[in-house]
Amino acid sequence: MNDTSGGRRILLLVGASVVVISGVLGVFIGENGGQVAAEISLFGVLPLPTSPLAFSLYGMVLSAVLLAALFALVEYASRVENAR
């Protein structure tokens, strides 16, 4: 068995857990934020309605993209280290 397969499974499990938690938190924030404002502006460019579904999807997509970038950097660093 390859030693890296266990580490990758753990990272994928942690990443999936973070994405799911982001979605759950987005539902709670969207529920409460809808009472304060009808929509918010993301970075002054994109208007986002303060609904549970919108916040949940936004949180899940953002966390998935950030984690994918971090995991890609870890993979790159690992390959560079193994090439030495």
PDB file of N, CA and C in Angstrom:
ATOM      1  N   MET A   1       0.845  -1.188   0.000  1.00  0.00           N
ATOM      2  CA  MET A   1       0.000   0.000   0.000  1.00  0.00           C
ATOM      3  C   MET A   1       0.881   1.239   0.000  1.00  0.00           C
ATOM      4  N   ASN A   2       0.457   2.242  -0.710  1.00  0.00           N
ATOM      5  CA  ASN A   2       1.208   3.479  -0.828  1.00  0.00           C
ATOM      6  C   ASN A   2       1.010   4.334   0.425  1.00  0.00           C
ATOM      7  N   ASP A   3       2.094   4.880   0.960  1.00  0.00           N
ATOM      8  CA  ASP A   3       1.997   5.700   2.176  1.00  0.00           C
ATOM      9  C   ASP A   3       1.211   6.983   1.954  1.00  0.00           C
ATOM     10  N   THR A   4       1.217   7.508   0.730  1.00  0.00           N
ATOM     11  CA  THR A   4       0.540   8.775   0.484  1.00  0.00           C
ATOM     12  C   THR A   4      -0.973   8.620   0.364  1.00  0.00           C
ATOM     13  N   SER A   5      -1.468   7.422   0.108  1.00  0.00           N
ATOM     14  CA  SER A   5      -2.917   7.260  -0.058  1.00  0.00           C
ATOM     15  C   SER A   5      -3.663   7.514   1.245  1.00  0.00           C
ATOM     16  N   GLY A   6      -3.083   7.146   2.379  1.00  0.00           N
ATOM     17  CA  GLY A   6      -3.719   7.420   3.667  1.00  0.00           C
ATOM     18  C   GLY A   6      -3.784   8.899   3.958  1.00  0.00           C
ATOM     19  N   GLY A   7      -2.715   9.617   3.656  1.00  0.00           N
ATOM     20  CA  GLY A   7      -2.689  11.060   3.869  1.00  0.00           C
ATOM     21  C   GLY A   7      -3.660  11.784   2.968  1.00  0.00           C
ATOM     22  N   ARG A   8      -3.777  11.337   1.730  1.00  0.00           N
ATOM     23  CA  ARG A   8      -4.715  11.977   0.801  1.00  0.00           C
ATOM     24  C   ARG A   8      -6.157  11.756   1.244  1.00  0.00           C
ATOM     25  N   ARG A   9      -6.439  10.544   1.721  1.00  0.00           N
ATOM     26  CA  ARG A   9      -7.798  10.276   2.195  1.00  0.00           C
ATOM     27  C   ARG A   9      -8.145  11.161   3.387  1.00  0.00           C
ATOM     28  N   ILE A  10      -7.192  11.344   4.263  1.00  0.00           N
ATOM     29  CA  ILE A  10      -7.427  12.199   5.435  1.00  0.00           C
ATOM     30  C   ILE A  10      -7.658  13.642   4.995  1.00  0.00           C
ATOM     31  N   LEU A  11      -6.836  14.138   4.076  1.00  0.00           N
ATOM     32  CA  LEU A  11      -7.016  15.508   3.585  1.00  0.00           C
ATOM     33  C   LEU A  11      -8.351  15.681   2.871  1.00  0.00           C
ATOM     34  N   LEU A  12      -8.761  14.695   2.083  1.00  0.00           N
ATOM     35  CA  LEU A  12     -10.053  14.778   1.409  1.00  0.00           C
ATOM     36  C   LEU A  12     -11.202  14.744   2.413  1.00  0.00           C
ATOM     37  N   LEU A  13     -11.072  13.935   3.455  1.00  0.00           N
ATOM     38  CA  LEU A  13     -12.104  13.884   4.493  1.00  0.00           C
ATOM     39  C   LEU A  13     -12.193  15.212   5.240  1.00  0.00           C
ATOM     40  N   VAL A  14     -11.048  15.776   5.587  1.00  0.00           N
ATOM     41  CA  VAL A  14     -11.029  17.080   6.258  1.00  0.00           C
ATOM     42  C   VAL A  14     -11.603  18.158   5.342  1.00  0.00           C
ATOM     43  N   GLY A  15     -11.226  18.139   4.086  1.00  0.00           N
ATOM     44  CA  GLY A  15     -11.740  19.124   3.132  1.00  0.00           C
ATOM     45  C   GLY A  15     -13.244  19.013   2.947  1.00  0.00           C
ATOM     46  N   ALA A  16     -13.746  17.794   2.804  1.00  0.00           N
ATOM     47  CA  ALA A  16     -15.195  17.604   2.655  1.00  0.00           C
ATOM     48  C   ALA A  16     -15.932  18.056   3.914  1.00  0.00           C
ATOM     49  N   SER A  17     -15.347  17.788   5.072  1.00  0.00           N
ATOM     50  CA  SER A  17     -15.973  18.217   6.328  1.00  0.00           C
ATOM     51  C   SER A  17     -16.043  19.741   6.415  1.00  0.00           C
ATOM     52  N   VAL A  18     -14.983  20.414   6.000  1.00  0.00           N
ATOM     53  CA  VAL A  18     -14.964  21.880   6.029  1.00  0.00           C
ATOM     54  C   VAL A  18     -16.009  22.444   5.075  1.00  0.00           C
ATOM     55  N   VAL A  19     -16.155  21.847   3.906  1.00  0.00           N
ATOM     56  CA  VAL A  19     -17.145  22.327   2.935  1.00  0.00           C
ATOM     57  C   VAL A  19     -18.562  22.134   3.483  1.00  0.00           C
ATOM     58  N   VAL A  20     -18.827  20.992   4.106  1.00  0.00           N
ATOM     59  CA  VAL A  20     -20.151  20.741   4.680  1.00  0.00           C
ATOM     60  C   VAL A  20     -20.433  21.708   5.832  1.00  0.00           C
ATOM     61  N   ILE A  21     -19.451  21.920   6.690  1.00  0.00           N
ATOM     62  CA  ILE A  21     -19.628  22.860   7.804  1.00  0.00           C
ATOM     63  C   ILE A  21     -19.869  24.269   7.273  1.00  0.00           C
ATOM     64  N   SER A  22     -19.178  24.651   6.209  1.00  0.00           N
ATOM     65  CA  SER A  22     -19.406  25.969   5.605  1.00  0.00           C
ATOM     66  C   SER A  22     -20.831  26.099   5.095  1.00  0.00           C
ATOM     67  N   GLY A  23     -21.357  25.040   4.521  1.00  0.00           N
ATOM     68  CA  GLY A  23     -22.735  25.068   4.044  1.00  0.00           C
ATOM     69  C   GLY A  23     -23.731  25.203   5.177  1.00  0.00           C
ATOM     70  N   VAL A  24     -23.505  24.468   6.267  1.00  0.00           N
ATOM     71  CA  VAL A  24     -24.403  24.553   7.423  1.00  0.00           C
ATOM     72  C   VAL A  24     -24.348  25.942   8.049  1.00  0.00           C
ATOM     73  N   LEU A  25     -23.157  26.490   8.198  1.00  0.00           N
ATOM     74  CA  LEU A  25     -23.032  27.836   8.747  1.00  0.00           C
ATOM     75  C   LEU A  25     -23.667  28.876   7.824  1.00  0.00           C
ATOM     76  N   GLY A  26     -23.567  28.664   6.514  1.00  0.00           N
ATOM     77  CA  GLY A  26     -24.193  29.569   5.560  1.00  0.00           C
ATOM     78  C   GLY A  26     -25.706  29.605   5.713  1.00  0.00           C
ATOM     79  N   VAL A  27     -26.295  28.448   6.028  1.00  0.00           N
ATOM     80  CA  VAL A  27     -27.743  28.412   6.252  1.00  0.00           C
ATOM     81  C   VAL A  27     -28.111  29.267   7.453  1.00  0.00           C
ATOM     82  N   PHE A  28     -27.379  29.114   8.555  1.00  0.00           N
ATOM     83  CA  PHE A  28     -27.674  29.902   9.756  1.00  0.00           C
ATOM     84  C   PHE A  28     -27.455  31.401   9.528  1.00  0.00           C
ATOM     85  N   ILE A  29     -26.371  31.739   8.868  1.00  0.00           N
ATOM     86  CA  ILE A  29     -26.084  33.155   8.611  1.00  0.00           C
ATOM     87  C   ILE A  29     -27.115  33.743   7.656  1.00  0.00           C
ATOM     88  N   GLY A  30     -27.508  32.980   6.640  1.00  0.00           N
ATOM     89  CA  GLY A  30     -28.523  33.457   5.706  1.00  0.00           C
ATOM     90  C   GLY A  30     -29.879  33.652   6.366  1.00  0.00           C
ATOM     91  N   GLU A  31     -30.218  32.764   7.282  1.00  0.00           N
ATOM     92  CA  GLU A  31     -31.487  32.912   8.016  1.00  0.00           C
ATOM     93  C   GLU A  31     -31.500  34.195   8.837  1.00  0.00           C
ATOM     94  N   ASN A  32     -30.432  34.454   9.543  1.00  0.00           N
ATOM     95  CA  ASN A  32     -30.375  35.639  10.405  1.00  0.00           C
ATOM     96  C   ASN A  32     -30.087  36.914   9.629  1.00  0.00           C
ATOM     97  N   GLY A  33     -29.306  36.826   8.570  1.00  0.00           N
ATOM     98  CA  GLY A  33     -28.962  38.007   7.788  1.00  0.00           C
ATOM     99  C   GLY A  33     -30.120  38.528   6.984  1.00  0.00           C
ATOM    100  N   GLY A  34     -31.065  37.662   6.623  1.00  0.00           N
ATOM    101  CA  GLY A  34     -32.225  38.078   5.863  1.00  0.00           C
ATOM    102  C   GLY A  34     -33.109  39.039   6.629  1.00  0.00           C
ATOM    103  N   GLN A  35     -33.016  39.014   7.935  1.00  0.00           N
ATOM    104  CA  GLN A  35     -33.804  39.918   8.766  1.00  0.00           C
ATOM    105  C   GLN A  35     -33.185  41.309   8.818  1.00  0.00           C
ATOM    106  N   VAL A  36     -31.906  41.410   8.530  1.00  0.00           N
ATOM    107  CA  VAL A  36     -31.195  42.689   8.620  1.00  0.00           C
ATOM    108  C   VAL A  36     -31.192  43.423   7.281  1.00  0.00           C
ATOM    109  N   ALA A  37     -30.855  42.720   6.206  1.00  0.00           N
ATOM    110  CA  ALA A  37     -30.762  43.345   4.883  1.00  0.00           C
ATOM    111  C   ALA A  37     -31.242  42.358   3.827  1.00  0.00           C
ATOM    112  N   ALA A  38     -31.803  42.864   2.757  1.00  0.00           N
ATOM    113  CA  ALA A  38     -32.307  42.006   1.690  1.00  0.00           C
ATOM    114  C   ALA A  38     -31.178  41.406   0.857  1.00  0.00           C
ATOM    115  N   GLU A  39     -30.089  42.160   0.709  1.00  0.00           N
ATOM    116  CA  GLU A  39     -28.925  41.655  -0.029  1.00  0.00           C
ATOM    117  C   GLU A  39     -27.676  42.375   0.439  1.00  0.00           C
ATOM    118  N   ILE A  40     -26.532  41.726   0.191  1.00  0.00           N
ATOM    119  CA  ILE A  40     -25.248  42.348   0.499  1.00  0.00           C
ATOM    120  C   ILE A  40     -24.425  42.372  -0.780  1.00  0.00           C
ATOM    121  N   SER A  41     -23.414  43.195  -0.785  1.00  0.00           N
ATOM    122  CA  SER A  41     -22.532  43.309  -1.942  1.00  0.00           C
ATOM    123  C   SER A  41     -21.200  42.649  -1.614  1.00  0.00           C
ATOM    124  N   LEU A  42     -20.828  41.673  -2.426  1.00  0.00           N
ATOM    125  CA  LEU A  42     -19.556  40.983  -2.235  1.00  0.00           C
ATOM    126  C   LEU A  42     -18.453  41.735  -2.961  1.00  0.00           C
ATOM    127  N   PHE A  43     -17.513  42.235  -2.193  1.00  0.00           N
ATOM    128  CA  PHE A  43     -16.368  42.965  -2.727  1.00  0.00           C
ATOM    129  C   PHE A  43     -16.793  44.173  -3.548  1.00  0.00           C
ATOM    130  N   GLY A  44     -17.988  44.691  -3.295  1.00  0.00           N
ATOM    131  CA  GLY A  44     -18.480  45.843  -4.018  1.00  0.00           C
ATOM    132  C   GLY A  44     -18.840  45.559  -5.462  1.00  0.00           C
ATOM    133  N   VAL A  45     -18.903  44.298  -5.845  1.00  0.00           N
ATOM    134  CA  VAL A  45     -19.129  43.945  -7.242  1.00  0.00           C
ATOM    135  C   VAL A  45     -20.397  43.107  -7.421  1.00  0.00           C
ATOM    136  N   LEU A  46     -20.517  42.053  -6.655  1.00  0.00           N
ATOM    137  CA  LEU A  46     -21.573  41.073  -6.862  1.00  0.00           C
ATOM    138  C   LEU A  46     -22.619  41.157  -5.756  1.00  0.00           C
ATOM    139  N   PRO A  47     -23.861  41.483  -6.096  1.00  0.00           N
ATOM    140  CA  PRO A  47     -24.906  41.486  -5.065  1.00  0.00           C
ATOM    141  C   PRO A  47     -25.344  40.055  -4.752  1.00  0.00           C
ATOM    142  N   LEU A  48     -25.438  39.736  -3.473  1.00  0.00           N
ATOM    143  CA  LEU A  48     -25.820  38.395  -3.033  1.00  0.00           C
ATOM    144  C   LEU A  48     -27.039  38.513  -2.128  1.00  0.00           C
ATOM    145  N   PRO A  49     -28.148  37.847  -2.490  1.00  0.00           N
ATOM    146  CA  PRO A  49     -29.318  37.904  -1.621  1.00  0.00           C
ATOM    147  C   PRO A  49     -29.028  37.190  -0.298  1.00  0.00           C
ATOM    148  N   THR A  50     -29.574  37.709   0.766  1.00  0.00           N
ATOM    149  CA  THR A  50     -29.322  37.109   2.075  1.00  0.00           C
ATOM    150  C   THR A  50     -30.347  36.015   2.357  1.00  0.00           C
ATOM    151  N   SER A  51     -30.302  34.990   1.549  1.00  0.00           N
ATOM    152  CA  SER A  51     -31.150  33.825   1.762  1.00  0.00           C
ATOM    153  C   SER A  51     -30.272  32.670   2.228  1.00  0.00           C
ATOM    154  N   PRO A  52     -30.844  31.710   2.925  1.00  0.00           N
ATOM    155  CA  PRO A  52     -30.044  30.582   3.400  1.00  0.00           C
ATOM    156  C   PRO A  52     -29.370  29.803   2.268  1.00  0.00           C
ATOM    157  N   LEU A  53     -30.079  29.607   1.168  1.00  0.00           N
ATOM    158  CA  LEU A  53     -29.501  28.859   0.052  1.00  0.00           C
ATOM    159  C   LEU A  53     -28.326  29.603  -0.574  1.00  0.00           C
ATOM    160  N   ALA A  54     -28.461  30.898  -0.782  1.00  0.00           N
ATOM    161  CA  ALA A  54     -27.391  31.690  -1.397  1.00  0.00           C
ATOM    162  C   ALA A  54     -26.142  31.695  -0.518  1.00  0.00           C
ATOM    163  N   PHE A  55     -26.317  31.910   0.780  1.00  0.00           N
ATOM    164  CA  PHE A  55     -25.161  31.946   1.671  1.00  0.00           C
ATOM    165  C   PHE A  55     -24.529  30.568   1.811  1.00  0.00           C
ATOM    166  N   SER A  56     -25.346  29.537   1.819  1.00  0.00           N
ATOM    167  CA  SER A  56     -24.826  28.189   1.914  1.00  0.00           C
ATOM    168  C   SER A  56     -23.981  27.833   0.687  1.00  0.00           C
ATOM    169  N   LEU A  57     -24.521  28.115  -0.490  1.00  0.00           N
ATOM    170  CA  LEU A  57     -23.771  27.832  -1.717  1.00  0.00           C
ATOM    171  C   LEU A  57     -22.501  28.661  -1.807  1.00  0.00           C
ATOM    172  N   TYR A  58     -22.601  29.938  -1.445  1.00  0.00           N
ATOM    173  CA  TYR A  58     -21.425  30.796  -1.486  1.00  0.00           C
ATOM    174  C   TYR A  58     -20.341  30.277  -0.545  1.00  0.00           C
ATOM    175  N   GLY A  59     -20.720  29.915   0.668  1.00  0.00           N
ATOM    176  CA  GLY A  59     -19.746  29.396   1.630  1.00  0.00           C
ATOM    177  C   GLY A  59     -19.114  28.098   1.172  1.00  0.00           C
ATOM    178  N   MET A  60     -19.924  27.216   0.609  1.00  0.00           N
ATOM    179  CA  MET A  60     -19.402  25.933   0.150  1.00  0.00           C
ATOM    180  C   MET A  60     -18.458  26.097  -1.042  1.00  0.00           C
ATOM    181  N   VAL A  61     -18.841  26.938  -1.988  1.00  0.00           N
ATOM    182  CA  VAL A  61     -17.994  27.147  -3.170  1.00  0.00           C
ATOM    183  C   VAL A  61     -16.689  27.837  -2.784  1.00  0.00           C
ATOM    184  N   LEU A  62     -16.777  28.856  -1.951  1.00  0.00           N
ATOM    185  CA  LEU A  62     -15.578  29.579  -1.541  1.00  0.00           C
ATOM    186  C   LEU A  62     -14.623  28.678  -0.772  1.00  0.00           C
ATOM    187  N   SER A  63     -15.139  27.903   0.169  1.00  0.00           N
ATOM    188  CA  SER A  63     -14.257  27.026   0.943  1.00  0.00           C
ATOM    189  C   SER A  63     -13.679  25.920   0.067  1.00  0.00           C
ATOM    190  N   ALA A  64     -14.454  25.395  -0.882  1.00  0.00           N
ATOM    191  CA  ALA A  64     -13.942  24.352  -1.777  1.00  0.00           C
ATOM    192  C   ALA A  64     -12.821  24.894  -2.661  1.00  0.00           C
ATOM    193  N   VAL A  65     -12.994  26.101  -3.174  1.00  0.00           N
ATOM    194  CA  VAL A  65     -11.958  26.691  -4.039  1.00  0.00           C
ATOM    195  C   VAL A  65     -10.684  26.965  -3.245  1.00  0.00           C
ATOM    196  N   LEU A  66     -10.830  27.534  -2.052  1.00  0.00           N
ATOM    197  CA  LEU A  66      -9.649  27.817  -1.234  1.00  0.00           C
ATOM    198  C   LEU A  66      -8.929  26.541  -0.810  1.00  0.00           C
ATOM    199  N   LEU A  67      -9.685  25.528  -0.413  1.00  0.00           N
ATOM    200  CA  LEU A  67      -9.059  24.266  -0.024  1.00  0.00           C
ATOM    201  C   LEU A  67      -8.392  23.580  -1.203  1.00  0.00           C
ATOM    202  N   ALA A  68      -9.005  23.637  -2.379  1.00  0.00           N
ATOM    203  CA  ALA A  68      -8.392  23.047  -3.564  1.00  0.00           C
ATOM    204  C   ALA A  68      -7.067  23.733  -3.883  1.00  0.00           C
ATOM    205  N   ALA A  69      -7.026  25.050  -3.743  1.00  0.00           N
ATOM    206  CA  ALA A  69      -5.776  25.771  -3.984  1.00  0.00           C
ATOM    207  C   ALA A  69      -4.710  25.385  -2.955  1.00  0.00           C
ATOM    208  N   LEU A  70      -5.100  25.294  -1.687  1.00  0.00           N
ATOM    209  CA  LEU A  70      -4.140  24.905  -0.654  1.00  0.00           C
ATOM    210  C   LEU A  70      -3.649  23.477  -0.847  1.00  0.00           C
ATOM    211  N   PHE A  71      -4.552  22.572  -1.172  1.00  0.00           N
ATOM    212  CA  PHE A  71      -4.154  21.182  -1.393  1.00  0.00           C
ATOM    213  C   PHE A  71      -3.254  21.053  -2.620  1.00  0.00           C
ATOM    214  N   ALA A  72      -3.506  21.867  -3.647  1.00  0.00           N
ATOM    215  CA  ALA A  72      -2.639  21.852  -4.824  1.00  0.00           C
ATOM    216  C   ALA A  72      -1.239  22.339  -4.468  1.00  0.00           C
ATOM    217  N   LEU A  73      -1.152  23.341  -3.611  1.00  0.00           N
ATOM    218  CA  LEU A  73       0.168  23.813  -3.170  1.00  0.00           C
ATOM    219  C   LEU A  73       0.895  22.755  -2.345  1.00  0.00           C
ATOM    220  N   VAL A  74       0.174  22.038  -1.520  1.00  0.00           N
ATOM    221  CA  VAL A  74       0.776  20.957  -0.736  1.00  0.00           C
ATOM    222  C   VAL A  74       1.267  19.847  -1.658  1.00  0.00           C
ATOM    223  N   GLU A  75       0.474  19.507  -2.656  1.00  0.00           N
ATOM    224  CA  GLU A  75       0.869  18.478  -3.621  1.00  0.00           C
ATOM    225  C   GLU A  75       2.127  18.908  -4.376  1.00  0.00           C
ATOM    226  N   TYR A  76       2.164  20.164  -4.790  1.00  0.00           N
ATOM    227  CA  TYR A  76       3.341  20.686  -5.499  1.00  0.00           C
ATOM    228  C   TYR A  76       4.582  20.650  -4.605  1.00  0.00           C
ATOM    229  N   ALA A  77       4.433  21.077  -3.365  1.00  0.00           N
ATOM    230  CA  ALA A  77       5.569  21.070  -2.440  1.00  0.00           C
ATOM    231  C   ALA A  77       6.053  19.646  -2.189  1.00  0.00           C
ATOM    232  N   SER A  78       5.134  18.717  -2.119  1.00  0.00           N
ATOM    233  CA  SER A  78       5.495  17.311  -1.910  1.00  0.00           C
ATOM    234  C   SER A  78       6.271  16.767  -3.097  1.00  0.00           C
ATOM    235  N   ARG A  79       5.830  17.105  -4.289  1.00  0.00           N
ATOM    236  CA  ARG A  79       6.545  16.624  -5.483  1.00  0.00           C
ATOM    237  C   ARG A  79       7.926  17.237  -5.601  1.00  0.00           C
ATOM    238  N   VAL A  80       8.045  18.517  -5.258  1.00  0.00           N
ATOM    239  CA  VAL A  80       9.353  19.170  -5.297  1.00  0.00           C
ATOM    240  C   VAL A  80      10.284  18.521  -4.276  1.00  0.00           C
ATOM    241  N   GLU A  81       9.760  18.241  -3.104  1.00  0.00           N
ATOM    242  CA  GLU A  81      10.573  17.610  -2.056  1.00  0.00           C
ATOM    243  C   GLU A  81      11.008  16.202  -2.460  1.00  0.00           C
ATOM    244  N   ASN A  82      10.127  15.446  -3.082  1.00  0.00           N
ATOM    245  CA  ASN A  82      10.468  14.081  -3.497  1.00  0.00           C
ATOM    246  C   ASN A  82      11.427  14.058  -4.680  1.00  0.00           C
ATOM    247  N   ALA A  83      11.478  15.128  -5.450  1.00  0.00           N
ATOM    248  CA  ALA A  83      12.361  15.183  -6.616  1.00  0.00           C
ATOM    249  C   ALA A  83      13.823  15.382  -6.198  1.00  0.00           C
ATOM    250  N   ARG A  84      14.028  15.841  -4.991  1.00  0.00           N
ATOM    251  CA  ARG A  84      15.403  16.088  -4.522  1.00  0.00           C
ATOM    252  C   ARG A  84      16.128  14.822  -4.204  1.00  0.00           C
TER     253      ARG A  84
END
